[in-house]
Amino acid sequence: MKIVGIDEAGRGSVLGPLVVCGVAVEEDRLKYLERLRLKDSKKLSPKRRTILSRKIRKIAECYPVNITAQDIDILRSKDVNLNEIEKIAIKKIIGESEPDIAIIDSMDVKPERLKAEVEGYRENLEVVAEHRADDTYVIVSAASIIAKVERDTAISNIREEFPDVGSGYPSDPTTIAFLEKIPYEEMPDFVRKSWSTVSKRKK
């Protein structure tokens, strides 16, 4: 029986991609992930996440989906909200990994609604959707780590050209200072222009 855990990184960021990741293993291989003593990626240092991501990739199949800032803006312009954007990635992950069970860190305020919808993606699919699933299920912790490392890599690549972007989150004064010095019309492609933090500056 194959199990996939699904989580994301970068959902609330104003810069860079939203990364949704699936990590899949046969049930009898879960014990190898458990031995790594994984936890939610936000509770780990960047160095520790990188080390663990390499170990996870040796044990499990990984299915990262990078949704660029441009893709997010295009979809939002068509009235596709962030939850629906994330579901597009989840559907792709389930289609590629072909699991029997999917365990998802729910982005929906009503996890049971997400469960019912995702179960329709694949015949005989069992879905567990919970808030903070990355704290409860080791396979979702693994997905959280892979997603965060992919997202960190994308931000590191941006920093090579724009060293003053900060973390990319609206709560970061460095990120806000970066955005405020660039006219809306000249915003780089990695900026989510549909975010209110940015769009309110549109002339």
Protein backbone atom coordinates (compact mmCIF):
# COMPACT_ATOMS: atom_id res chain seq x y z
CA MET A 1 0.00 0.00 0.00
CA LYS A 2 1.45 3.33 -1.09
CA ILE A 3 1.07 6.44 1.07
CA VAL A 4 1.71 10.03 -0.02
CA GLY A 5 2.08 12.98 2.33
CA ILE A 6 1.43 16.45 0.94
CA ASP A 7 2.41 19.89 2.25
CA GLU A 8 3.40 23.29 0.92
CA ALA A 9 5.89 26.12 1.42
CA GLY A 10 5.62 29.76 0.42
CA ARG A 11 1.85 30.09 0.48
CA GLY A 12 1.82 33.51 2.14
CA SER A 13 4.92 34.90 0.46
CA VAL A 14 4.76 37.89 -1.87
CA LEU A 15 7.92 36.73 -3.68
CA GLY A 16 8.87 33.50 -5.41
CA PRO A 17 6.99 30.28 -5.98
CA LEU A 18 4.44 28.38 -3.99
CA VAL A 19 5.89 24.87 -3.67
CA VAL A 20 3.50 21.99 -3.05
CA CYS A 21 5.24 18.68 -2.48
CA GLY A 22 4.23 15.06 -2.22
CA VAL A 23 6.44 12.42 -0.61
CA ALA A 24 5.38 8.83 -1.29
CA VAL A 25 6.49 5.47 0.12
CA GLU A 26 5.16 1.98 0.41
CA GLU A 27 3.74 1.50 3.90
CA ASP A 28 6.48 -0.93 4.94
CA ARG A 29 9.12 1.76 4.27
CA LEU A 30 7.57 4.34 6.58
CA LYS A 31 9.81 3.08 9.36
CA TYR A 32 12.87 4.42 7.53
CA LEU A 33 11.37 7.93 7.55
CA GLU A 34 10.41 7.54 11.21
CA ARG A 35 14.05 6.83 12.08
CA LEU A 36 15.00 10.29 10.78
CA ARG A 37 12.90 11.88 13.58
CA LEU A 38 11.35 14.35 11.17
CA LYS A 39 9.28 17.35 12.22
CA ASP A 40 7.61 20.36 10.65
CA SER A 41 10.20 22.12 8.46
CA LYS A 42 9.61 25.46 10.21
CA LYS A 43 11.07 23.95 13.39
CA LEU A 44 14.35 23.00 11.69
CA SER A 45 17.39 25.05 10.71
CA PRO A 46 18.06 25.50 6.96
CA LYS A 47 21.16 23.30 7.24
CA ARG A 48 19.23 20.52 9.00
CA ARG A 49 16.45 20.71 6.40
CA THR A 50 18.97 20.32 3.59
CA ILE A 51 20.59 17.28 5.22
CA LEU A 52 17.22 15.64 5.88
CA SER A 53 15.94 16.37 2.38
CA ARG A 54 18.82 14.38 0.91
CA LYS A 55 18.04 11.45 3.21
CA ILE A 56 14.31 11.62 2.43
CA ARG A 57 15.01 11.53 -1.31
CA LYS A 58 17.01 8.31 -0.86
CA ILE A 59 14.09 6.66 0.94
CA ALA A 60 11.00 8.01 -0.81
CA GLU A 61 9.61 9.24 -4.11
CA CYS A 62 9.35 13.03 -4.12
CA TYR A 63 6.94 15.08 -6.23
CA PRO A 64 7.59 18.82 -5.85
CA VAL A 65 5.34 21.17 -7.84
CA ASN A 66 6.67 24.72 -8.23
CA ILE A 67 3.95 27.26 -8.98
CA THR A 68 5.65 30.47 -10.09
CA ALA A 69 4.64 33.98 -9.09
CA GLN A 70 3.55 34.57 -12.68
CA ASP A 71 1.38 31.44 -12.68
CA ILE A 72 -0.23 32.54 -9.41
CA ASP A 73 -0.98 35.99 -10.83
CA ILE A 74 -2.47 34.56 -14.03
CA LEU A 75 -4.69 32.12 -12.15
CA ARG A 76 -5.81 34.75 -9.64
CA SER A 77 -6.73 37.06 -12.55
CA LYS A 78 -9.11 34.28 -13.62
CA ASP A 79 -10.67 34.20 -10.13
CA VAL A 80 -8.83 31.03 -9.11
CA ASN A 81 -8.07 31.49 -5.41
CA LEU A 82 -5.00 30.22 -3.59
CA ASN A 83 -6.77 27.14 -2.20
CA GLU A 84 -7.84 26.13 -5.70
CA ILE A 85 -4.32 26.76 -7.02
CA GLU A 86 -2.95 24.45 -4.34
CA LYS A 87 -5.54 21.81 -5.23
CA ILE A 88 -4.33 21.84 -8.85
CA ALA A 89 -0.88 20.86 -7.54
CA ILE A 90 -2.35 18.22 -5.20
CA LYS A 91 -4.24 16.65 -8.10
CA LYS A 92 -1.01 16.55 -10.14
CA ILE A 93 0.88 14.91 -7.26
CA ILE A 94 -1.79 12.26 -6.77
CA GLY A 95 -1.91 11.57 -10.51
CA GLU A 96 1.86 11.05 -10.65
CA SER A 97 2.36 9.16 -7.39
CA GLU A 98 -0.75 6.94 -7.66
CA PRO A 99 -1.18 6.41 -3.90
CA ASP A 100 -3.72 4.34 -2.00
CA ILE A 101 -3.72 6.85 0.86
CA ALA A 102 -3.07 10.61 0.74
CA ILE A 103 -2.39 12.53 3.95
CA ILE A 104 -2.66 16.29 3.46
CA ASP A 105 -1.86 19.27 5.64
CA SER A 106 -5.20 20.97 5.00
CA MET A 107 -5.22 24.50 3.61
CA ASP A 108 -9.02 24.45 3.77
CA VAL A 109 -10.58 25.74 6.99
CA LYS A 110 -12.84 22.68 6.70
CA PRO A 111 -10.52 19.68 6.28
CA GLU A 112 -13.50 17.35 5.71
CA ARG A 113 -14.42 19.40 2.63
CA LEU A 114 -10.90 19.00 1.23
CA LYS A 115 -10.99 15.28 2.01
CA ALA A 116 -14.23 14.80 0.09
CA GLU A 117 -12.96 16.73 -2.92
CA VAL A 118 -9.56 15.05 -3.16
CA GLU A 119 -11.06 11.57 -2.80
CA GLY A 120 -12.71 12.27 -6.12
CA TYR A 121 -9.35 12.63 -7.87
CA ARG A 122 -8.64 8.90 -7.94
CA GLU A 123 -10.71 5.75 -7.60
CA ASN A 124 -10.43 3.99 -4.22
CA LEU A 125 -8.27 6.78 -2.81
CA GLU A 126 -8.41 7.22 0.96
CA VAL A 127 -7.70 10.79 2.11
CA VAL A 128 -6.73 12.12 5.52
CA ALA A 129 -6.87 15.93 5.62
CA GLU A 130 -5.96 17.68 8.86
CA HIS A 131 -4.61 20.98 10.07
CA ARG A 132 -1.00 20.71 11.32
CA ALA A 133 -0.65 17.27 9.74
CA ASP A 134 3.07 18.04 9.40
CA ASP A 135 3.27 17.75 13.20
CA THR A 136 1.31 14.50 13.32
CA TYR A 137 2.39 12.38 10.36
CA VAL A 138 6.02 11.71 9.51
CA ILE A 139 5.30 11.49 5.79
CA VAL A 140 3.75 14.96 5.83
CA SER A 141 6.76 16.26 7.80
CA ALA A 142 8.92 14.84 5.00
CA ALA A 143 6.82 16.65 2.38
CA SER A 144 7.09 19.86 4.41
CA ILE A 145 10.89 19.58 4.45
CA ILE A 146 11.24 18.89 0.72
CA ALA A 147 8.85 21.74 -0.13
CA LYS A 148 10.74 24.17 2.12
CA VAL A 149 14.14 23.23 0.69
CA GLU A 150 12.81 23.68 -2.88
CA ARG A 151 11.35 27.04 -1.90
CA ASP A 152 14.57 28.14 -0.12
CA THR A 153 16.56 27.22 -3.23
CA ALA A 154 14.29 29.39 -5.38
CA ILE A 155 14.71 32.35 -3.02
CA SER A 156 18.49 31.82 -2.92
CA ASN A 157 18.54 31.97 -6.73
CA ILE A 158 16.61 35.25 -6.62
CA ARG A 159 19.07 36.66 -4.06
CA GLU A 160 21.98 36.07 -6.44
CA GLU A 161 20.63 38.94 -8.55
CA PHE A 162 18.62 40.79 -5.89
CA PRO A 163 20.44 40.36 -2.56
CA ASP A 164 18.08 42.70 -0.68
CA VAL A 165 14.76 40.80 -1.14
CA GLY A 166 14.64 39.48 2.42
CA SER A 167 12.55 36.40 3.19
CA GLY A 168 9.85 37.23 0.67
CA TYR A 169 7.07 37.52 3.25
CA PRO A 170 4.97 40.68 3.77
CA SER A 171 5.86 40.65 7.48
CA ASP A 172 9.55 41.15 6.62
CA PRO A 173 10.58 44.86 6.60
CA THR A 174 13.47 44.05 4.23
CA THR A 175 11.06 42.56 1.70
CA ILE A 176 8.70 45.53 1.99
CA ALA A 177 11.61 47.97 1.57
CA PHE A 178 12.66 46.09 -1.59
CA LEU A 179 9.14 46.29 -3.04
CA GLU A 180 8.69 49.96 -2.18
CA LYS A 181 11.70 51.09 -4.18
CA ILE A 182 10.50 49.51 -7.45
CA PRO A 183 7.63 50.99 -9.51
CA TYR A 184 4.75 48.54 -9.96
CA GLU A 185 5.29 48.44 -13.74
CA GLU A 186 8.92 47.40 -13.25
CA MET A 187 8.38 44.61 -10.71
CA PRO A 188 10.47 41.49 -11.52
CA ASP A 189 8.72 38.26 -12.60
CA PHE A 190 9.27 36.66 -9.19
CA VAL A 191 6.98 39.21 -7.49
CA ARG A 192 3.33 38.17 -6.99
CA LYS A 193 1.81 41.33 -8.41
CA SER A 194 -1.72 40.24 -7.50
CA TRP A 195 -0.88 40.33 -3.77
CA SER A 196 -2.48 43.34 -2.07
CA THR A 197 0.95 44.27 -0.68
CA VAL A 198 1.97 45.01 -4.29
CA SER A 199 -1.26 45.68 -6.20
CA LYS A 200 -2.22 48.63 -3.96
CA ARG A 201 0.80 50.45 -5.45
CA LYS A 202 -0.51 50.05 -8.99
CA LYS A 203 -1.17 53.43 -10.63
